[in-house]
Amino acid sequence: DVQLQASGGGVVRAGGSLRLSCAASGFAFDDYAIGWVRQAPGKQREGVSCISARGGSTYYSDSVKGRFAISRDISSNMVYLYMSNLQDDDTAVYYCATGNPLCRGSERGGHYYVGKTYDHWGQGTLVTVSS
Protein backbone atom coordinates (compact mmCIF):
# COMPACT_ATOMS: atom_id res chain seq x y z
CA ASP A 1 0.00 0.00 0.00
CA VAL A 2 1.09 3.53 -0.74
CA GLN A 3 1.97 5.30 2.49
CA LEU A 4 3.01 8.89 3.05
CA GLN A 5 3.95 10.15 6.49
CA ALA A 6 4.31 13.89 6.91
CA SER A 7 6.07 15.33 9.95
CA GLY A 8 7.89 18.39 11.18
CA GLY A 9 5.02 20.76 11.80
CA GLY A 10 4.83 22.95 14.87
CA VAL A 11 4.48 26.47 16.14
CA VAL A 12 6.89 29.05 14.77
CA ARG A 13 7.07 32.81 15.01
CA ALA A 14 6.49 34.96 11.97
CA GLY A 15 9.71 35.28 10.04
CA GLY A 16 10.95 31.91 11.26
CA SER A 17 11.74 28.70 9.43
CA LEU A 18 10.59 25.12 9.55
CA ARG A 19 11.36 21.95 7.60
CA LEU A 20 8.68 19.43 6.83
CA SER A 21 9.48 15.83 5.99
CA CYS A 22 7.52 13.23 4.06
CA ALA A 23 8.43 9.56 4.34
CA ALA A 24 7.15 7.52 1.41
CA SER A 25 6.74 3.78 1.03
CA GLY A 26 4.80 1.17 -0.89
CA PHE A 27 5.44 2.43 -4.41
CA ALA A 28 8.24 3.08 -6.88
CA PHE A 29 9.37 6.33 -5.30
CA ASP A 30 11.42 7.61 -8.22
CA ASP A 31 8.60 7.08 -10.72
CA TYR A 32 6.22 9.63 -9.21
CA ALA A 33 6.14 13.32 -8.53
CA ILE A 34 5.53 14.34 -4.92
CA GLY A 35 3.57 17.41 -3.97
CA TRP A 36 2.83 19.44 -0.86
CA VAL A 37 -0.69 20.75 -0.45
CA ARG A 38 -1.92 22.84 2.46
CA GLN A 39 -5.30 23.68 3.89
CA ALA A 40 -5.82 26.65 6.14
CA PRO A 41 -8.81 26.82 8.49
CA GLY A 42 -11.95 27.66 6.53
CA LYS A 43 -10.16 27.71 3.20
CA GLN A 44 -9.81 25.41 0.24
CA ARG A 45 -6.78 23.25 -0.27
CA GLU A 46 -3.91 24.98 -2.00
CA GLY A 47 -1.13 23.33 -3.97
CA VAL A 48 2.12 24.65 -2.52
CA SER A 49 4.96 22.85 -4.26
CA CYS A 50 5.77 19.82 -6.36
CA ILE A 51 8.96 18.00 -7.27
CA SER A 52 9.37 15.76 -10.30
CA ALA A 53 10.01 12.05 -10.06
CA ARG A 54 13.80 12.27 -10.26
CA GLY A 55 13.98 15.68 -8.60
CA GLY A 56 15.07 17.57 -11.66
CA SER A 57 12.16 19.99 -11.71
CA THR A 58 10.47 21.89 -8.92
CA TYR A 59 7.37 24.04 -8.90
CA TYR A 60 6.00 26.55 -6.44
CA SER A 61 2.84 28.53 -6.07
CA ASP A 62 3.34 32.26 -6.28
CA SER A 63 2.38 32.57 -2.61
CA VAL A 64 5.48 30.66 -1.46
CA LYS A 65 7.96 31.13 -4.28
CA GLY A 66 11.26 32.41 -3.00
CA ARG A 67 10.48 31.33 0.57
CA PHE A 68 9.92 27.57 0.29
CA ALA A 69 12.23 24.94 -1.18
CA ILE A 70 11.30 21.35 -1.99
CA SER A 71 13.78 18.51 -2.32
CA ARG A 72 13.81 14.74 -2.39
CA ASP A 73 16.26 12.05 -1.39
CA ILE A 74 15.70 9.04 -3.61
CA SER A 75 18.05 6.88 -1.54
CA SER A 76 15.84 7.24 1.54
CA ASN A 77 12.41 7.80 -0.05
CA MET A 78 12.09 11.17 1.64
CA VAL A 79 10.76 14.51 0.45
CA TYR A 80 11.41 17.73 2.30
CA LEU A 81 9.82 21.15 2.29
CA TYR A 82 12.00 23.86 3.76
CA MET A 83 9.93 26.89 4.67
CA SER A 84 11.48 30.22 5.52
CA ASN A 85 10.21 33.71 6.33
CA LEU A 86 6.96 32.16 7.46
CA GLN A 87 3.93 34.42 7.63
CA ASP A 88 0.52 34.20 9.30
CA ASP A 89 -1.03 33.12 5.98
CA ASP A 90 1.18 30.04 5.98
CA THR A 91 -0.68 28.62 8.97
CA ALA A 92 -2.29 25.41 7.72
CA VAL A 93 -2.23 21.65 7.74
CA TYR A 94 0.37 20.54 5.22
CA TYR A 95 -0.06 17.29 3.34
CA CYS A 96 2.36 15.43 1.11
CA ALA A 97 0.74 13.59 -1.75
CA THR A 98 1.49 11.55 -4.83
CA GLY A 99 -0.09 9.60 -7.65
CA ASN A 100 0.97 11.50 -10.75
CA PRO A 101 4.11 10.74 -12.71
CA LEU A 102 4.43 14.45 -13.52
CA CYS A 103 3.86 17.61 -11.54
CA ARG A 104 0.70 19.38 -12.57
CA GLY A 105 -0.14 23.04 -12.45
CA SER A 106 -1.69 25.89 -14.32
CA GLU A 107 -1.15 29.54 -15.01
CA ARG A 108 -4.03 31.95 -14.71
CA GLY A 109 -4.03 35.69 -14.65
CA GLY A 110 -0.26 35.81 -14.52
CA HIS A 111 -0.07 33.55 -11.48
CA TYR A 112 1.15 29.96 -11.32
CA TYR A 113 -0.93 27.45 -9.38
CA VAL A 114 0.54 24.12 -8.33
CA GLY A 115 -1.84 21.21 -8.78
CA LYS A 116 -3.70 19.85 -5.76
CA THR A 117 -5.21 16.67 -7.17
CA TYR A 118 -3.49 13.47 -6.15
CA ASP A 119 -4.46 9.84 -5.64
CA HIS A 120 -2.61 9.26 -2.38
CA TRP A 121 -2.28 11.50 0.66
CA GLY A 122 -0.43 11.51 3.93
CA GLN A 123 -2.13 12.41 7.20
CA GLY A 124 -0.96 16.02 7.32
CA THR A 125 1.14 18.01 9.75
CA LEU A 126 0.02 21.28 11.33
CA VAL A 127 2.08 24.44 10.93
CA THR A 128 1.08 27.39 13.08
CA VAL A 129 2.72 30.75 12.55
CA SER A 130 2.36 33.14 15.43
CA SER A 131 2.86 36.88 15.07
C-alpha atoms as a PDB file:
ATOM      1  CA  ASP A   1       0.000   0.000   0.000  1.00  0.00           C
ATOM      2  CA  VAL A   2       1.086   3.529  -0.740  1.00  0.00           C
ATOM      3  CA  GLN A   3       1.971   5.298   2.488  1.00  0.00           C
ATOM      4  CA  LEU A   4       3.009   8.887   3.048  1.00  0.00           C
ATOM      5  CA  GLN A   5       3.945  10.150   6.491  1.00  0.00           C
ATOM      6  CA  ALA A   6       4.307  13.893   6.912  1.00  0.00           C
ATOM      7  CA  SER A   7       6.071  15.325   9.949  1.00  0.00           C
ATOM      8  CA  GLY A   8       7.894  18.393  11.175  1.00  0.00           C
ATOM      9  CA  GLY A   9       5.018  20.761  11.803  1.00  0.00           C
ATOM     10  CA  GLY A  10       4.828  22.952  14.872  1.00  0.00           C
ATOM     11  CA  VAL A  11       4.481  26.475  16.144  1.00  0.00           C
ATOM     12  CA  VAL A  12       6.887  29.054  14.768  1.00  0.00           C
ATOM     13  CA  ARG A  13       7.072  32.810  15.009  1.00  0.00           C
ATOM     14  CA  ALA A  14       6.490  34.961  11.971  1.00  0.00           C
ATOM     15  CA  GLY A  15       9.712  35.278  10.040  1.00  0.00           C
ATOM     16  CA  GLY A  16      10.949  31.913  11.263  1.00  0.00           C
ATOM     17  CA  SER A  17      11.742  28.697   9.428  1.00  0.00           C
ATOM     18  CA  LEU A  18      10.593  25.117   9.546  1.00  0.00           C
ATOM     19  CA  ARG A  19      11.363  21.947   7.603  1.00  0.00           C
ATOM     20  CA  LEU A  20       8.676  19.425   6.834  1.00  0.00           C
ATOM     21  CA  SER A  21       9.483  15.826   5.988  1.00  0.00           C
ATOM     22  CA  CYS A  22       7.520  13.232   4.057  1.00  0.00           C
ATOM     23  CA  ALA A  23       8.434   9.563   4.343  1.00  0.00           C
ATOM     24  CA  ALA A  24       7.149   7.524   1.414  1.00  0.00           C
ATOM     25  CA  SER A  25       6.745   3.780   1.026  1.00  0.00           C
ATOM     26  CA  GLY A  26       4.795   1.170  -0.893  1.00  0.00           C
ATOM     27  CA  PHE A  27       5.438   2.426  -4.410  1.00  0.00           C
ATOM     28  CA  ALA A  28       8.236   3.080  -6.884  1.00  0.00           C
ATOM     29  CA  PHE A  29       9.372   6.326  -5.296  1.00  0.00           C
ATOM     30  CA  ASP A  30      11.418   7.610  -8.222  1.00  0.00           C
ATOM     31  CA  ASP A  31       8.597   7.082 -10.717  1.00  0.00           C
ATOM     32  CA  TYR A  32       6.225   9.634  -9.211  1.00  0.00           C
ATOM     33  CA  ALA A  33       6.142  13.316  -8.527  1.00  0.00           C
ATOM     34  CA  ILE A  34       5.529  14.337  -4.923  1.00  0.00           C
ATOM     35  CA  GLY A  35       3.570  17.414  -3.967  1.00  0.00           C
ATOM     36  CA  TRP A  36       2.829  19.437  -0.863  1.00  0.00           C
ATOM     37  CA  VAL A  37      -0.692  20.745  -0.450  1.00  0.00           C
ATOM     38  CA  ARG A  38      -1.923  22.844   2.459  1.00  0.00           C
ATOM     39  CA  GLN A  39      -5.297  23.676   3.891  1.00  0.00           C
ATOM     40  CA  ALA A  40      -5.817  26.649   6.142  1.00  0.00           C
ATOM     41  CA  PRO A  41      -8.812  26.822   8.491  1.00  0.00           C
ATOM     42  CA  GLY A  42     -11.947  27.659   6.530  1.00  0.00           C
ATOM     43  CA  LYS A  43     -10.155  27.706   3.205  1.00  0.00           C
ATOM     44  CA  GLN A  44      -9.814  25.408   0.240  1.00  0.00           C
ATOM     45  CA  ARG A  45      -6.775  23.245  -0.269  1.00  0.00           C
ATOM     46  CA  GLU A  46      -3.909  24.976  -2.004  1.00  0.00           C
ATOM     47  CA  GLY A  47      -1.132  23.331  -3.967  1.00  0.00           C
ATOM     48  CA  VAL A  48       2.124  24.647  -2.522  1.00  0.00           C
ATOM     49  CA  SER A  49       4.956  22.852  -4.262  1.00  0.00           C
ATOM     50  CA  CYS A  50       5.770  19.824  -6.360  1.00  0.00           C
ATOM     51  CA  ILE A  51       8.956  17.997  -7.266  1.00  0.00           C
ATOM     52  CA  SER A  52       9.366  15.762 -10.298  1.00  0.00           C
ATOM     53  CA  ALA A  53      10.015  12.054 -10.060  1.00  0.00           C
ATOM     54  CA  ARG A  54      13.803  12.274 -10.265  1.00  0.00           C
ATOM     55  CA  GLY A  55      13.979  15.680  -8.603  1.00  0.00           C
ATOM     56  CA  GLY A  56      15.075  17.573 -11.663  1.00  0.00           C
ATOM     57  CA  SER A  57      12.162  19.987 -11.711  1.00  0.00           C
ATOM     58  CA  THR A  58      10.472  21.885  -8.916  1.00  0.00           C
ATOM     59  CA  TYR A  59       7.366  24.038  -8.904  1.00  0.00           C
ATOM     60  CA  TYR A  60       5.999  26.547  -6.442  1.00  0.00           C
ATOM     61  CA  SER A  61       2.836  28.528  -6.067  1.00  0.00           C
ATOM     62  CA  ASP A  62       3.336  32.262  -6.276  1.00  0.00           C
ATOM     63  CA  SER A  63       2.384  32.571  -2.613  1.00  0.00           C
ATOM     64  CA  VAL A  64       5.478  30.664  -1.459  1.00  0.00           C
ATOM     65  CA  LYS A  65       7.961  31.129  -4.279  1.00  0.00           C
ATOM     66  CA  GLY A  66      11.264  32.408  -3.000  1.00  0.00           C
ATOM     67  CA  ARG A  67      10.482  31.330   0.574  1.00  0.00           C
ATOM     68  CA  PHE A  68       9.916  27.571   0.295  1.00  0.00           C
ATOM     69  CA  ALA A  69      12.234  24.937  -1.178  1.00  0.00           C
ATOM     70  CA  ILE A  70      11.298  21.348  -1.992  1.00  0.00           C
ATOM     71  CA  SER A  71      13.779  18.509  -2.321  1.00  0.00           C
ATOM     72  CA  ARG A  72      13.806  14.739  -2.394  1.00  0.00           C
ATOM     73  CA  ASP A  73      16.256  12.048  -1.388  1.00  0.00           C
ATOM     74  CA  ILE A  74      15.701   9.044  -3.609  1.00  0.00           C
ATOM     75  CA  SER A  75      18.051   6.883  -1.538  1.00  0.00           C
ATOM     76  CA  SER A  76      15.844   7.241   1.537  1.00  0.00           C
ATOM     77  CA  ASN A  77      12.406   7.798  -0.052  1.00  0.00           C
ATOM     78  CA  MET A  78      12.094  11.173   1.637  1.00  0.00           C
ATOM     79  CA  VAL A  79      10.763  14.507   0.454  1.00  0.00           C
ATOM     80  CA  TYR A  80      11.412  17.735   2.300  1.00  0.00           C
ATOM     81  CA  LEU A  81       9.819  21.152   2.291  1.00  0.00           C
ATOM     82  CA  TYR A  82      12.003  23.863   3.763  1.00  0.00           C
ATOM     83  CA  MET A  83       9.934  26.889   4.674  1.00  0.00           C
ATOM     84  CA  SER A  84      11.481  30.216   5.521  1.00  0.00           C
ATOM     85  CA  ASN A  85      10.215  33.713   6.326  1.00  0.00           C
ATOM     86  CA  LEU A  86       6.955  32.165   7.457  1.00  0.00           C
ATOM     87  CA  GLN A  87       3.929  34.420   7.635  1.00  0.00           C
ATOM     88  CA  ASP A  88       0.520  34.198   9.300  1.00  0.00           C
ATOM     89  CA  ASP A  89      -1.025  33.117   5.976  1.00  0.00           C
ATOM     90  CA  ASP A  90       1.184  30.044   5.984  1.00  0.00           C
ATOM     91  CA  THR A  91      -0.685  28.615   8.967  1.00  0.00           C
ATOM     92  CA  ALA A  92      -2.295  25.414   7.716  1.00  0.00           C
ATOM     93  CA  VAL A  93      -2.226  21.648   7.736  1.00  0.00           C
ATOM     94  CA  TYR A  94       0.374  20.538   5.223  1.00  0.00           C
ATOM     95  CA  TYR A  95      -0.063  17.291   3.335  1.00  0.00           C
ATOM     96  CA  CYS A  96       2.360  15.429   1.110  1.00  0.00           C
ATOM     97  CA  ALA A  97       0.736  13.589  -1.754  1.00  0.00           C
ATOM     98  CA  THR A  98       1.493  11.553  -4.834  1.00  0.00           C
ATOM     99  CA  GLY A  99      -0.086   9.596  -7.651  1.00  0.00           C
ATOM    100  CA  ASN A 100       0.967  11.499 -10.749  1.00  0.00           C
ATOM    101  CA  PRO A 101       4.110  10.744 -12.713  1.00  0.00           C
ATOM    102  CA  LEU A 102       4.426  14.449 -13.515  1.00  0.00           C
ATOM    103  CA  CYS A 103       3.856  17.612 -11.540  1.00  0.00           C
ATOM    104  CA  ARG A 104       0.695  19.381 -12.567  1.00  0.00           C
ATOM    105  CA  GLY A 105      -0.145  23.038 -12.449  1.00  0.00           C
ATOM    106  CA  SER A 106      -1.691  25.888 -14.323  1.00  0.00           C
ATOM    107  CA  GLU A 107      -1.149  29.536 -15.014  1.00  0.00           C
ATOM    108  CA  ARG A 108      -4.026  31.952 -14.715  1.00  0.00           C
ATOM    109  CA  GLY A 109      -4.032  35.695 -14.646  1.00  0.00           C
ATOM    110  CA  GLY A 110      -0.263  35.806 -14.524  1.00  0.00           C
ATOM    111  CA  HIS A 111      -0.068  33.555 -11.480  1.00  0.00           C
ATOM    112  CA  TYR A 112       1.152  29.961 -11.320  1.00  0.00           C
ATOM    113  CA  TYR A 113      -0.935  27.446  -9.381  1.00  0.00           C
ATOM    114  CA  VAL A 114       0.541  24.120  -8.329  1.00  0.00           C
ATOM    115  CA  GLY A 115      -1.841  21.206  -8.783  1.00  0.00           C
ATOM    116  CA  LYS A 116      -3.699  19.851  -5.764  1.00  0.00           C
ATOM    117  CA  THR A 117      -5.213  16.671  -7.172  1.00  0.00           C
ATOM    118  CA  TYR A 118      -3.489  13.467  -6.150  1.00  0.00           C
ATOM    119  CA  ASP A 119      -4.463   9.840  -5.637  1.00  0.00           C
ATOM    120  CA  HIS A 120      -2.606   9.258  -2.378  1.00  0.00           C
ATOM    121  CA  TRP A 121      -2.285  11.505   0.656  1.00  0.00           C
ATOM    122  CA  GLY A 122      -0.430  11.512   3.930  1.00  0.00           C
ATOM    123  CA  GLN A 123      -2.127  12.415   7.200  1.00  0.00           C
ATOM    124  CA  GLY A 124      -0.960  16.023   7.321  1.00  0.00           C
ATOM    125  CA  THR A 125       1.138  18.010   9.752  1.00  0.00           C
ATOM    126  CA  LEU A 126       0.018  21.280  11.330  1.00  0.00           C
ATOM    127  CA  VAL A 127       2.079  24.436  10.932  1.00  0.00           C
ATOM    128  CA  THR A 128       1.075  27.385  13.083  1.00  0.00           C
ATOM    129  CA  VAL A 129       2.718  30.748  12.545  1.00  0.00           C
ATOM    130  CA  SER A 130       2.355  33.144  15.435  1.00  0.00           C
ATOM    131  CA  SER A 131       2.863  36.875  15.066  1.00  0.00           C
END
